[in-house]
Amino acid sequence: MKAVAAHPVSRVTAGGMAGASRVLPEEVAVALSYNGGTQAVMMASPGDLEDFARGFTLTEGIADPARIESITPVETALGIDLQIWLPEADAARLAERRRNGAGPVGCGLCGIESLDQALRPATPVSGDLTLTADQVRQAVADLPRHQPLHDLARSVHAAGFWRPDAGQGGGLVLAREDVGRHNALDKLAGGLLAQGLAGNSGVVVMTSRVSVDLVQKACRIGAPVLIAVSAPTGAALTLAEAAGLTVIGLARAESFEIFTHPGRIVPAAPRGQSHVA
């Protein structure tokens, strides 16, 4: 399935109305099925689906992604059945974490059956990675250059992984896009696994607000810092504070705000000194 498609529109300007075309992102139902049973149905962009499978398996605590035996996307008349196979020994965990609701775009908790699951503590993060203020700003500035779907359609989210030791002064080493912000982060998580990149070696940069599910997923990845262009929710900060995650929000070229664990943002290092210990 294509990630984008052109749609006819009537464009109204000061000069009047005229027919035109607008490229928009496709949004399809993606069922995440484990060993023949559907665990979740998410509305998502139909790309990077193997990364989606690995990342969702990790960030939702389904199983160790290294235990995945196979991933097969199957197109159907209604959407895509993402068939994921695990060893039978993981069946008990699948039953415990059963999710069968359809998750609309922008909601990463739909289908969860209890409040305990929705507000489960975030996995503690550790590591001595630090950033300068200039590096935070650079990470935010780098992300738009890795958003080809957004450039076409102007209506998708992105999640990127920025490392201070990439290139001269740091750089974005991986990015994924999706109509859902939590899907984009799951796809990023899967991409990191596929490429053997350690989550604690860099920071996550996102185009969205920071919600509870994004904190939980970022902590599962192991990233010590989550940077977003919008603001966090109060509940998200409570989880982040307890887990040791640094949350930076309202990140712009000229300013940003540090909401939790500000000690990871340090003064500029002397020339030649790295901020990754």
Protein backbone atom coordinates (compact mmCIF):
# COMPACT_ATOMS: atom_id res chain seq x y z
CA MET A 1 0.00 0.00 0.00
CA LYS A 2 1.16 3.51 -0.79
CA ALA A 3 2.06 5.89 2.03
CA VAL A 4 0.56 8.92 0.27
CA ALA A 5 -1.95 9.63 -2.50
CA ALA A 6 -3.15 12.71 -4.39
CA HIS A 7 -6.69 13.94 -3.71
CA PRO A 8 -8.66 16.59 -5.63
CA VAL A 9 -9.47 19.79 -3.75
CA SER A 10 -11.07 23.14 -4.44
CA ARG A 11 -8.51 25.79 -3.54
CA VAL A 12 -9.88 29.15 -2.47
CA THR A 13 -7.70 32.25 -2.65
CA ALA A 14 -8.28 35.97 -2.88
CA GLY A 15 -8.56 35.47 -6.63
CA GLY A 16 -11.38 32.95 -6.37
CA MET A 17 -11.79 29.16 -6.44
CA ALA A 18 -9.96 26.69 -8.64
CA GLY A 19 -9.48 22.94 -8.85
CA ALA A 20 -6.22 21.59 -7.51
CA SER A 21 -4.62 18.47 -6.06
CA ARG A 22 -3.31 17.83 -2.57
CA VAL A 23 -1.06 14.93 -1.51
CA LEU A 24 -2.34 13.38 1.72
CA PRO A 25 -1.04 10.53 3.90
CA GLU A 26 -2.77 7.19 3.75
CA GLU A 27 -4.13 5.82 7.04
CA VAL A 28 -4.86 2.11 7.24
CA ALA A 29 -5.90 -0.36 9.92
CA VAL A 30 -2.87 -2.39 10.97
CA ALA A 31 -3.55 -5.46 13.10
CA LEU A 32 -0.63 -6.61 15.23
CA SER A 33 -1.20 -10.34 15.47
CA TYR A 34 0.95 -12.61 17.62
CA ASN A 35 0.86 -16.35 17.00
CA GLY A 36 -2.46 -16.02 15.20
CA GLY A 37 -4.21 -13.83 17.78
CA THR A 38 -4.72 -10.08 17.36
CA GLN A 39 -3.26 -8.03 20.21
CA ALA A 40 -4.01 -4.55 18.84
CA VAL A 41 -5.44 -2.77 15.82
CA MET A 42 -3.89 0.63 15.19
CA MET A 43 -4.60 3.21 12.53
CA ALA A 44 -1.16 3.77 11.01
CA SER A 45 0.86 4.68 7.94
CA PRO A 46 1.55 1.59 5.80
CA GLY A 47 5.35 1.82 5.89
CA ASP A 48 8.25 0.46 7.97
CA LEU A 49 5.92 -2.27 9.21
CA GLU A 50 8.65 -4.69 10.34
CA ASP A 51 10.11 -1.87 12.45
CA PHE A 52 6.59 -1.27 13.78
CA ALA A 53 6.30 -4.93 14.78
CA ARG A 54 9.66 -5.00 16.57
CA GLY A 55 9.13 -1.64 18.23
CA PHE A 56 5.59 -2.38 19.42
CA THR A 57 6.76 -5.70 20.83
CA LEU A 58 9.44 -3.87 22.82
CA THR A 59 7.63 -0.74 23.96
CA GLU A 60 4.43 -2.52 24.98
CA GLY A 61 6.33 -5.17 26.92
CA ILE A 62 4.89 -8.01 24.82
CA ALA A 63 8.17 -9.94 24.63
CA ASP A 64 11.86 -9.58 23.97
CA PRO A 65 11.97 -8.56 20.27
CA ALA A 66 15.00 -10.80 19.83
CA ARG A 67 12.60 -13.74 20.32
CA ILE A 68 10.54 -12.85 17.24
CA GLU A 69 10.73 -15.75 14.83
CA SER A 70 9.10 -14.10 11.82
CA ILE A 71 7.19 -11.00 10.71
CA THR A 72 4.85 -11.14 7.71
CA PRO A 73 2.69 -8.19 6.59
CA VAL A 74 -0.43 -9.53 4.86
CA GLU A 75 -2.64 -7.11 2.91
CA THR A 76 -6.38 -7.70 3.22
CA ALA A 77 -9.44 -5.89 1.95
CA LEU A 78 -9.75 -4.12 5.31
CA GLY A 79 -6.12 -3.26 5.98
CA ILE A 80 -2.88 -5.00 6.89
CA ASP A 81 -2.51 -8.01 9.16
CA LEU A 82 0.98 -7.78 10.62
CA GLN A 83 1.59 -11.41 11.56
CA ILE A 84 4.26 -11.79 14.24
CA TRP A 85 5.35 -15.19 15.50
CA LEU A 86 6.95 -15.83 18.88
CA PRO A 87 7.92 -19.02 20.71
CA GLU A 88 4.94 -20.67 22.39
CA ALA A 89 6.56 -20.01 25.77
CA ASP A 90 5.48 -16.37 25.40
CA ALA A 91 1.77 -17.27 25.23
CA ALA A 92 1.15 -16.44 28.90
CA ARG A 93 2.50 -12.92 28.48
CA LEU A 94 0.38 -12.43 25.38
CA ALA A 95 -2.73 -13.33 27.36
CA GLU A 96 -1.77 -10.97 30.18
CA ARG A 97 -1.22 -8.05 27.84
CA ARG A 98 -4.20 -8.77 25.60
CA ARG A 99 -5.25 -5.73 23.63
CA ASN A 100 -8.07 -5.94 21.13
CA GLY A 101 -9.40 -2.41 20.72
CA ALA A 102 -8.97 -0.24 17.61
CA GLY A 103 -6.58 2.57 18.47
CA PRO A 104 -7.40 5.81 16.62
CA VAL A 105 -4.61 8.14 15.56
CA GLY A 106 -3.18 10.06 18.50
CA CYS A 107 -4.15 7.50 21.16
CA GLY A 108 -1.59 4.96 22.30
CA LEU A 109 -3.65 3.41 25.11
CA CYS A 110 -6.85 2.31 23.35
CA GLY A 111 -7.80 -1.29 24.08
CA ILE A 112 -5.91 -1.56 27.37
CA GLU A 113 -8.17 -3.32 29.83
CA SER A 114 -7.17 -1.86 33.20
CA LEU A 115 -5.98 1.36 34.82
CA ASP A 116 -2.93 -0.50 36.11
CA GLN A 117 -1.85 -1.24 32.55
CA ALA A 118 -2.47 2.32 31.35
CA LEU A 119 -0.47 3.91 34.17
CA ARG A 120 2.18 1.25 34.59
CA PRO A 121 5.52 2.67 35.85
CA ALA A 122 8.01 3.56 33.17
CA THR A 123 11.17 1.45 32.87
CA PRO A 124 14.00 3.29 34.69
CA VAL A 125 16.61 4.80 32.37
CA SER A 126 20.27 5.23 33.18
CA GLY A 127 23.50 6.30 31.56
CA ASP A 128 25.72 9.34 31.71
CA LEU A 129 24.90 10.88 28.34
CA THR A 130 24.71 14.68 28.49
CA LEU A 131 23.95 17.43 25.96
CA THR A 132 24.74 21.09 25.63
CA ALA A 133 21.98 23.58 24.90
CA ASP A 134 23.39 23.96 21.38
CA GLN A 135 23.12 20.20 20.83
CA VAL A 136 19.48 20.20 21.94
CA ARG A 137 18.75 22.96 19.45
CA GLN A 138 20.69 21.10 16.75
CA ALA A 139 18.70 17.91 17.35
CA VAL A 140 15.45 19.84 16.89
CA ALA A 141 16.78 21.54 13.76
CA ASP A 142 17.93 18.23 12.23
CA LEU A 143 14.58 16.42 12.41
CA PRO A 144 12.71 18.35 9.66
CA ARG A 145 15.39 17.33 7.17
CA HIS A 146 14.40 13.68 7.70
CA GLN A 147 10.64 14.00 7.16
CA PRO A 148 9.93 13.17 3.50
CA LEU A 149 6.29 12.19 4.17
CA HIS A 150 5.67 15.42 6.01
CA ASP A 151 7.21 17.37 3.14
CA LEU A 152 4.65 15.76 0.82
CA ALA A 153 1.56 15.64 3.00
CA ARG A 154 2.09 18.09 5.88
CA SER A 155 0.14 15.90 8.30
CA VAL A 156 2.33 13.17 9.79
CA HIS A 157 4.43 12.92 12.94
CA ALA A 158 8.10 12.02 13.14
CA ALA A 159 10.33 10.42 15.76
CA GLY A 160 14.09 10.69 15.38
CA PHE A 161 17.18 9.38 17.17
CA TRP A 162 19.95 11.93 17.61
CA ARG A 163 23.44 11.00 18.78
CA PRO A 164 26.01 13.50 20.05
CA ASP A 165 28.84 11.35 18.66
CA ALA A 166 27.49 11.22 15.08
CA GLY A 167 29.48 13.33 12.64
CA GLN A 168 30.94 16.62 13.76
CA GLY A 169 29.00 17.79 16.80
CA GLY A 170 26.27 15.15 16.55
CA GLY A 171 23.53 14.21 14.13
CA LEU A 172 20.26 12.42 13.49
CA VAL A 173 21.04 8.79 12.68
CA LEU A 174 17.49 7.44 12.22
CA ALA A 175 13.95 8.76 11.79
CA ARG A 176 10.52 7.25 11.23
CA GLU A 177 7.19 8.87 10.29
CA ASP A 178 3.55 7.92 10.84
CA VAL A 179 0.12 9.49 11.10
CA GLY A 180 0.22 8.51 14.79
CA ARG A 181 2.91 9.91 17.05
CA HIS A 182 3.10 6.72 19.13
CA ASN A 183 3.32 4.62 15.94
CA ALA A 184 6.24 6.75 14.76
CA LEU A 185 8.03 6.08 18.04
CA ASP A 186 7.34 2.35 17.82
CA LYS A 187 8.76 2.31 14.30
CA LEU A 188 11.82 4.20 15.51
CA ALA A 189 12.28 1.66 18.30
CA GLY A 190 12.11 -1.17 15.78
CA GLY A 191 14.56 0.58 13.48
CA LEU A 192 17.05 0.96 16.32
CA LEU A 193 16.78 -2.75 17.07
CA ALA A 194 17.22 -3.68 13.42
CA GLN A 195 20.34 -1.54 13.12
CA GLY A 196 21.83 -2.58 16.46
CA LEU A 197 21.78 0.95 17.90
CA ALA A 198 21.70 1.13 21.70
CA GLY A 199 18.85 3.27 22.97
CA ASN A 200 21.01 4.87 25.66
CA SER A 201 23.53 6.12 23.10
CA GLY A 202 21.33 9.02 21.97
CA VAL A 203 18.12 10.95 22.50
CA VAL A 204 14.62 10.76 21.04
CA VAL A 205 13.31 13.84 19.20
CA MET A 206 9.61 14.12 18.35
CA THR A 207 7.25 16.48 16.53
CA SER A 208 4.42 16.00 19.03
CA ARG A 209 3.38 16.66 22.60
CA VAL A 210 4.70 14.32 25.30
CA SER A 211 2.03 12.03 26.72
CA VAL A 212 2.13 9.13 29.17
CA ASP A 213 2.48 6.47 26.47
CA LEU A 214 5.40 8.28 24.80
CA VAL A 215 7.28 8.43 28.10
CA GLN A 216 6.67 4.72 28.64
CA LYS A 217 7.88 3.89 25.14
CA ALA A 218 10.95 6.15 25.27
CA CYS A 219 11.96 4.54 28.56
CA ARG A 220 11.54 1.06 27.07
CA ILE A 221 13.92 2.13 24.31
CA GLY A 222 16.38 3.22 26.99
CA ALA A 223 16.81 6.79 25.76
CA PRO A 224 17.77 9.10 28.66
CA VAL A 225 16.34 12.23 27.01
CA LEU A 226 13.06 12.89 25.18
CA ILE A 227 12.84 16.16 23.22
CA ALA A 228 9.55 17.40 21.77
CA VAL A 229 8.38 20.51 19.94
CA SER A 230 5.22 20.69 22.05
CA ALA A 231 4.55 20.52 25.79
CA PRO A 232 4.17 17.46 28.03
CA THR A 233 1.21 16.50 30.16
CA GLY A 234 1.46 16.54 33.93
CA ALA A 235 0.96 12.77 34.18
CA ALA A 236 3.76 12.21 31.67
CA LEU A 237 6.13 14.28 33.82
CA THR A 238 5.26 12.28 36.93
CA LEU A 239 6.27 9.07 35.14
CA ALA A 240 9.38 10.65 33.63
CA GLU A 241 10.56 12.03 36.97
CA ALA A 242 10.25 8.63 38.63
CA ALA A 243 12.00 6.83 35.76
CA GLY A 244 14.93 9.23 35.49
CA LEU A 245 13.99 10.48 32.01
CA THR A 246 14.89 14.02 31.01
CA VAL A 247 11.92 15.62 29.25
CA ILE A 248 12.50 18.72 27.12
CA GLY A 249 9.49 20.40 25.58
CA LEU A 250 8.49 23.45 23.56
CA ALA A 251 11.78 23.04 21.76
CA ARG A 252 12.46 25.74 19.19
CA ALA A 253 15.52 27.21 17.54
CA GLU A 254 15.62 30.05 20.04
CA SER A 255 14.56 28.30 23.27
CA PHE A 256 13.38 25.15 25.02
CA GLU A 257 12.14 24.15 28.47
CA ILE A 258 13.54 21.33 30.63
CA PHE A 259 10.78 19.73 32.70
CA THR A 260 12.57 16.84 34.44
CA HIS A 261 16.13 15.87 35.32
CA PRO A 262 17.87 19.02 34.03
CA GLY A 263 21.31 17.73 35.05
CA ARG A 264 21.80 16.12 31.64
CA ILE A 265 21.94 19.54 29.98
CA VAL A 266 25.40 20.94 30.63
CA PRO A 267 27.52 23.96 29.65
CA ALA A 268 29.43 23.76 26.40
CA ALA A 269 32.37 21.37 26.66
CA PRO A 270 35.94 22.49 26.02
CA ARG A 271 37.06 21.89 22.45
CA GLY A 272 37.67 18.23 21.77
CA GLN A 273 35.80 16.98 24.87
CA SER A 274 32.91 14.56 24.35
CA HIS A 275 29.68 14.58 26.33
CA VAL A 276 29.28 10.82 26.13
CA ALA A 277 31.20 9.26 28.98
